[in-house]
Amino acid sequence: MGYERFFDPNTSFYLAGGLSFKDSESEKLWGLRTEAQMRFHVFTVIQPRQSHRLYFAPYLANEYFETEYRDYSQSGYEVWNTDSFDAFGGGMLFGWSYSFANRINLDIFAGGGLRKTFGYDPAEYYYYDDTVFDYGYSGIVPRLGIDIGFWF
């Protein structure tokens, strides 16, 4: 869920938040994500029923996760372990925002940045894969996305 507020025709602030949830036989997870962007629109075309905007946006993001995963002790008994950790990141996005039908907005963006995770120990997880898709990944992260929204 996100909200964009324009300060003037060329500058806006975007604030977003979201939830993650996973429940499988071997893992339970829930997480909270927040993100803030300062968007600078470098090209704008506004027509009566549609508009196009090209922008770049530095961003800051935070993710909090709580996990519960199944493990087996040395004696063979099933044990559920719990863990929680935070991930902080920032970077730059480049995007195209297209508004049509007076109210519908399509936003396509790409970019990347850096991410650092605190409180995550990969040695505790038997399935840790050390890629950008792992919850506890720290390093350079690519970003690619599509948002669909409505103007109020």
C-alpha atoms as a PDB file:
ATOM      1  CA  MET A   1       0.000   0.000   0.000  1.00  0.00           C
ATOM      2  CA  GLY A   2       1.424   3.386  -0.921  1.00  0.00           C
ATOM      3  CA  TYR A   3       0.650   7.095  -0.919  1.00  0.00           C
ATOM      4  CA  GLU A   4       2.202   9.766  -3.145  1.00  0.00           C
ATOM      5  CA  ARG A   5       1.977  13.473  -2.324  1.00  0.00           C
ATOM      6  CA  PHE A   6       2.989  16.128  -4.864  1.00  0.00           C
ATOM      7  CA  PHE A   7       4.703  19.264  -3.536  1.00  0.00           C
ATOM      8  CA  ASP A   8       4.832  20.851  -6.986  1.00  0.00           C
ATOM      9  CA  PRO A   9       4.489  19.441 -10.554  1.00  0.00           C
ATOM     10  CA  ASN A  10       8.097  18.174 -10.521  1.00  0.00           C
ATOM     11  CA  THR A  11       8.557  16.846  -6.973  1.00  0.00           C
ATOM     12  CA  SER A  12       6.645  14.302  -4.903  1.00  0.00           C
ATOM     13  CA  PHE A  13       7.080  12.176  -1.794  1.00  0.00           C
ATOM     14  CA  TYR A  14       6.064   8.499  -1.851  1.00  0.00           C
ATOM     15  CA  LEU A  15       5.495   6.455   1.311  1.00  0.00           C
ATOM     16  CA  ALA A  16       4.702   2.733   1.173  1.00  0.00           C
ATOM     17  CA  GLY A  17       4.181  -0.120   3.593  1.00  0.00           C
ATOM     18  CA  GLY A  18       3.441  -3.788   3.278  1.00  0.00           C
ATOM     19  CA  LEU A  19       3.153  -7.130   5.049  1.00  0.00           C
ATOM     20  CA  SER A  20       4.706 -10.521   4.307  1.00  0.00           C
ATOM     21  CA  PHE A  21       3.293 -13.813   5.461  1.00  0.00           C
ATOM     22  CA  LYS A  22       4.350 -17.407   4.843  1.00  0.00           C
ATOM     23  CA  ASP A  23       3.082 -20.584   6.470  1.00  0.00           C
ATOM     24  CA  SER A  24       4.506 -23.907   5.299  1.00  0.00           C
ATOM     25  CA  GLU A  25       5.352 -27.243   6.900  1.00  0.00           C
ATOM     26  CA  SER A  26       8.915 -26.228   7.693  1.00  0.00           C
ATOM     27  CA  GLU A  27       8.712 -22.440   8.054  1.00  0.00           C
ATOM     28  CA  LYS A  28       6.424 -19.712   9.355  1.00  0.00           C
ATOM     29  CA  LEU A  29       7.227 -16.092   8.665  1.00  0.00           C
ATOM     30  CA  TRP A  30       5.663 -12.685   8.955  1.00  0.00           C
ATOM     31  CA  GLY A  31       7.245  -9.370   8.102  1.00  0.00           C
ATOM     32  CA  LEU A  32       6.660  -5.656   7.827  1.00  0.00           C
ATOM     33  CA  ARG A  33       8.152  -3.433   5.104  1.00  0.00           C
ATOM     34  CA  THR A  34       8.259   0.368   4.942  1.00  0.00           C
ATOM     35  CA  GLU A  35       9.743   2.557   2.224  1.00  0.00           C
ATOM     36  CA  ALA A  36      10.091   6.277   1.549  1.00  0.00           C
ATOM     37  CA  GLN A  37      10.994   7.858  -1.799  1.00  0.00           C
ATOM     38  CA  MET A  38      11.606  11.425  -2.863  1.00  0.00           C
ATOM     39  CA  ARG A  39      10.580  11.503  -6.533  1.00  0.00           C
ATOM     40  CA  PHE A  40      11.978  14.071  -8.949  1.00  0.00           C
ATOM     41  CA  HIS A  41       9.973  14.170 -12.177  1.00  0.00           C
ATOM     42  CA  VAL A  42      12.322  15.153 -15.009  1.00  0.00           C
ATOM     43  CA  PHE A  43       9.803  14.888 -17.860  1.00  0.00           C
ATOM     44  CA  THR A  44       6.058  15.519 -17.577  1.00  0.00           C
ATOM     45  CA  VAL A  45       3.321  15.565 -20.233  1.00  0.00           C
ATOM     46  CA  ILE A  46      -0.187  16.232 -18.931  1.00  0.00           C
ATOM     47  CA  GLN A  47      -3.142  15.908 -21.286  1.00  0.00           C
ATOM     48  CA  PRO A  48      -6.874  15.996 -20.466  1.00  0.00           C
ATOM     49  CA  ARG A  49      -7.305  12.210 -20.092  1.00  0.00           C
ATOM     50  CA  GLN A  50      -3.744  10.937 -19.636  1.00  0.00           C
ATOM     51  CA  SER A  51      -0.306  11.961 -18.415  1.00  0.00           C
ATOM     52  CA  HIS A  52       3.261  10.643 -18.610  1.00  0.00           C
ATOM     53  CA  ARG A  53       5.997  11.265 -16.072  1.00  0.00           C
ATOM     54  CA  LEU A  54       9.605  10.092 -16.034  1.00  0.00           C
ATOM     55  CA  TYR A  55      11.280  10.278 -12.638  1.00  0.00           C
ATOM     56  CA  PHE A  56      14.228   9.272 -10.536  1.00  0.00           C
ATOM     57  CA  ALA A  57      13.844   8.612  -6.837  1.00  0.00           C
ATOM     58  CA  PRO A  58      16.337   8.012  -4.052  1.00  0.00           C
ATOM     59  CA  TYR A  59      14.766   5.651  -1.514  1.00  0.00           C
ATOM     60  CA  LEU A  60      15.176   4.316   2.020  1.00  0.00           C
ATOM     61  CA  ALA A  61      13.624   0.991   3.031  1.00  0.00           C
ATOM     62  CA  ASN A  62      13.267  -1.073   6.190  1.00  0.00           C
ATOM     63  CA  GLU A  63      12.083  -4.659   6.616  1.00  0.00           C
ATOM     64  CA  TYR A  64      11.399  -6.481   9.883  1.00  0.00           C
ATOM     65  CA  PHE A  65      10.943 -10.264   9.899  1.00  0.00           C
ATOM     66  CA  GLU A  66       9.990 -12.849  12.515  1.00  0.00           C
ATOM     67  CA  THR A  67      10.595 -16.440  11.485  1.00  0.00           C
ATOM     68  CA  GLU A  68       9.840 -19.805  13.007  1.00  0.00           C
ATOM     69  CA  TYR A  69      11.444 -22.784  11.312  1.00  0.00           C
ATOM     70  CA  ARG A  70      11.557 -26.525  11.877  1.00  0.00           C
ATOM     71  CA  ASP A  71      14.848 -28.135  12.767  1.00  0.00           C
ATOM     72  CA  TYR A  72      15.839 -31.501  14.152  1.00  0.00           C
ATOM     73  CA  SER A  73      17.991 -31.988  17.211  1.00  0.00           C
ATOM     74  CA  GLN A  74      20.899 -34.420  17.253  1.00  0.00           C
ATOM     75  CA  SER A  75      18.692 -36.959  19.002  1.00  0.00           C
ATOM     76  CA  GLY A  76      16.210 -36.773  16.082  1.00  0.00           C
ATOM     77  CA  TYR A  77      13.460 -34.797  17.774  1.00  0.00           C
ATOM     78  CA  GLU A  78      11.666 -32.012  15.907  1.00  0.00           C
ATOM     79  CA  VAL A  79      12.415 -28.546  17.294  1.00  0.00           C
ATOM     80  CA  TRP A  80      10.899 -25.211  16.232  1.00  0.00           C
ATOM     81  CA  ASN A  81      13.389 -22.308  16.375  1.00  0.00           C
ATOM     82  CA  THR A  82      12.392 -18.651  16.297  1.00  0.00           C
ATOM     83  CA  ASP A  83      14.351 -15.653  15.076  1.00  0.00           C
ATOM     84  CA  SER A  84      13.759 -11.991  14.267  1.00  0.00           C
ATOM     85  CA  PHE A  85      15.867  -9.541  12.294  1.00  0.00           C
ATOM     86  CA  ASP A  86      15.881  -6.143  10.583  1.00  0.00           C
ATOM     87  CA  ALA A  87      17.072  -5.151   7.120  1.00  0.00           C
ATOM     88  CA  PHE A  88      17.838  -1.555   6.142  1.00  0.00           C
ATOM     89  CA  GLY A  89      18.602  -0.310   2.657  1.00  0.00           C
ATOM     90  CA  GLY A  90      18.738   2.575   0.290  1.00  0.00           C
ATOM     91  CA  GLY A  91      19.346   3.278  -3.352  1.00  0.00           C
ATOM     92  CA  MET A  92      18.017   4.838  -6.532  1.00  0.00           C
ATOM     93  CA  LEU A  93      15.016   4.057  -8.737  1.00  0.00           C
ATOM     94  CA  PHE A  94      14.173   5.233 -12.248  1.00  0.00           C
ATOM     95  CA  GLY A  95      10.567   5.027 -13.364  1.00  0.00           C
ATOM     96  CA  TRP A  96       7.762   5.906 -15.718  1.00  0.00           C
ATOM     97  CA  SER A  97       4.350   6.844 -14.359  1.00  0.00           C
ATOM     98  CA  TYR A  98       1.391   6.709 -16.766  1.00  0.00           C
ATOM     99  CA  SER A  99      -2.053   7.975 -15.732  1.00  0.00           C
ATOM    100  CA  PHE A 100      -5.121   7.257 -17.846  1.00  0.00           C
ATOM    101  CA  ALA A 101      -8.927   7.368 -17.603  1.00  0.00           C
ATOM    102  CA  ASN A 102      -8.547  10.379 -15.277  1.00  0.00           C
ATOM    103  CA  ARG A 103      -7.988   8.143 -12.205  1.00  0.00           C
ATOM    104  CA  ILE A 104      -5.869   5.045 -12.926  1.00  0.00           C
ATOM    105  CA  ASN A 105      -2.084   5.143 -12.587  1.00  0.00           C
ATOM    106  CA  LEU A 106       0.487   2.626 -13.833  1.00  0.00           C
ATOM    107  CA  ASP A 107       4.008   2.983 -12.437  1.00  0.00           C
ATOM    108  CA  ILE A 108       6.934   0.920 -13.797  1.00  0.00           C
ATOM    109  CA  PHE A 109      10.349   1.259 -12.144  1.00  0.00           C
ATOM    110  CA  ALA A 110      13.834  -0.263 -12.022  1.00  0.00           C
ATOM    111  CA  GLY A 111      16.985   0.441 -10.079  1.00  0.00           C
ATOM    112  CA  GLY A 112      18.942  -0.867  -7.166  1.00  0.00           C
ATOM    113  CA  GLY A 113      20.791  -0.148  -4.004  1.00  0.00           C
ATOM    114  CA  LEU A 114      22.461  -1.571  -0.916  1.00  0.00           C
ATOM    115  CA  ARG A 115      20.898  -3.635   1.854  1.00  0.00           C
ATOM    116  CA  LYS A 116      22.273  -4.598   5.266  1.00  0.00           C
ATOM    117  CA  THR A 117      20.588  -7.135   7.533  1.00  0.00           C
ATOM    118  CA  PHE A 118      21.073  -7.042  11.315  1.00  0.00           C
ATOM    119  CA  GLY A 119      20.412  -9.935  13.691  1.00  0.00           C
ATOM    120  CA  TYR A 120      20.463 -12.671  11.031  1.00  0.00           C
ATOM    121  CA  ASP A 121      22.808 -15.647  11.380  1.00  0.00           C
ATOM    122  CA  PRO A 122      22.905 -17.790   8.217  1.00  0.00           C
ATOM    123  CA  ALA A 123      24.545 -20.663  10.119  1.00  0.00           C
ATOM    124  CA  GLU A 124      21.229 -21.237  11.929  1.00  0.00           C
ATOM    125  CA  TYR A 125      19.345 -21.941   8.700  1.00  0.00           C
ATOM    126  CA  TYR A 126      19.900 -25.193   6.832  1.00  0.00           C
ATOM    127  CA  TYR A 127      18.240 -23.773   3.685  1.00  0.00           C
ATOM    128  CA  TYR A 128      20.201 -20.491   3.473  1.00  0.00           C
ATOM    129  CA  ASP A 129      21.023 -19.892  -0.209  1.00  0.00           C
ATOM    130  CA  ASP A 130      22.984 -16.569  -0.124  1.00  0.00           C
ATOM    131  CA  THR A 131      21.071 -14.940  -3.008  1.00  0.00           C
ATOM    132  CA  VAL A 132      19.152 -11.645  -3.221  1.00  0.00           C
ATOM    133  CA  PHE A 133      15.924 -13.628  -2.659  1.00  0.00           C
ATOM    134  CA  ASP A 134      16.936 -14.771   0.850  1.00  0.00           C
ATOM    135  CA  TYR A 135      15.323 -12.802   3.697  1.00  0.00           C
ATOM    136  CA  GLY A 136      18.657 -12.231   5.430  1.00  0.00           C
ATOM    137  CA  TYR A 137      20.650 -11.169   2.368  1.00  0.00           C
ATOM    138  CA  SER A 138      23.106  -8.276   2.749  1.00  0.00           C
ATOM    139  CA  GLY A 139      24.715  -6.638  -0.268  1.00  0.00           C
ATOM    140  CA  ILE A 140      23.747  -5.089  -3.591  1.00  0.00           C
ATOM    141  CA  VAL A 141      20.058  -5.542  -4.463  1.00  0.00           C
ATOM    142  CA  PRO A 142      18.302  -4.983  -7.793  1.00  0.00           C
ATOM    143  CA  ARG A 143      14.798  -3.502  -7.851  1.00  0.00           C
ATOM    144  CA  LEU A 144      12.181  -3.980 -10.538  1.00  0.00           C
ATOM    145  CA  GLY A 145       8.460  -3.445 -10.113  1.00  0.00           C
ATOM    146  CA  ILE A 146       5.040  -2.421 -11.322  1.00  0.00           C
ATOM    147  CA  ASP A 147       2.521  -0.519  -9.202  1.00  0.00           C
ATOM    148  CA  ILE A 148      -1.107   0.075 -10.109  1.00  0.00           C
ATOM    149  CA  GLY A 149      -3.037   2.724  -8.250  1.00  0.00           C
ATOM    150  CA  PHE A 150      -5.756   5.375  -8.260  1.00  0.00           C
ATOM    151  CA  TRP A 151      -5.700   9.155  -8.086  1.00  0.00           C
ATOM    152  CA  PHE A 152      -7.843  10.759  -5.418  1.00  0.00           C
END
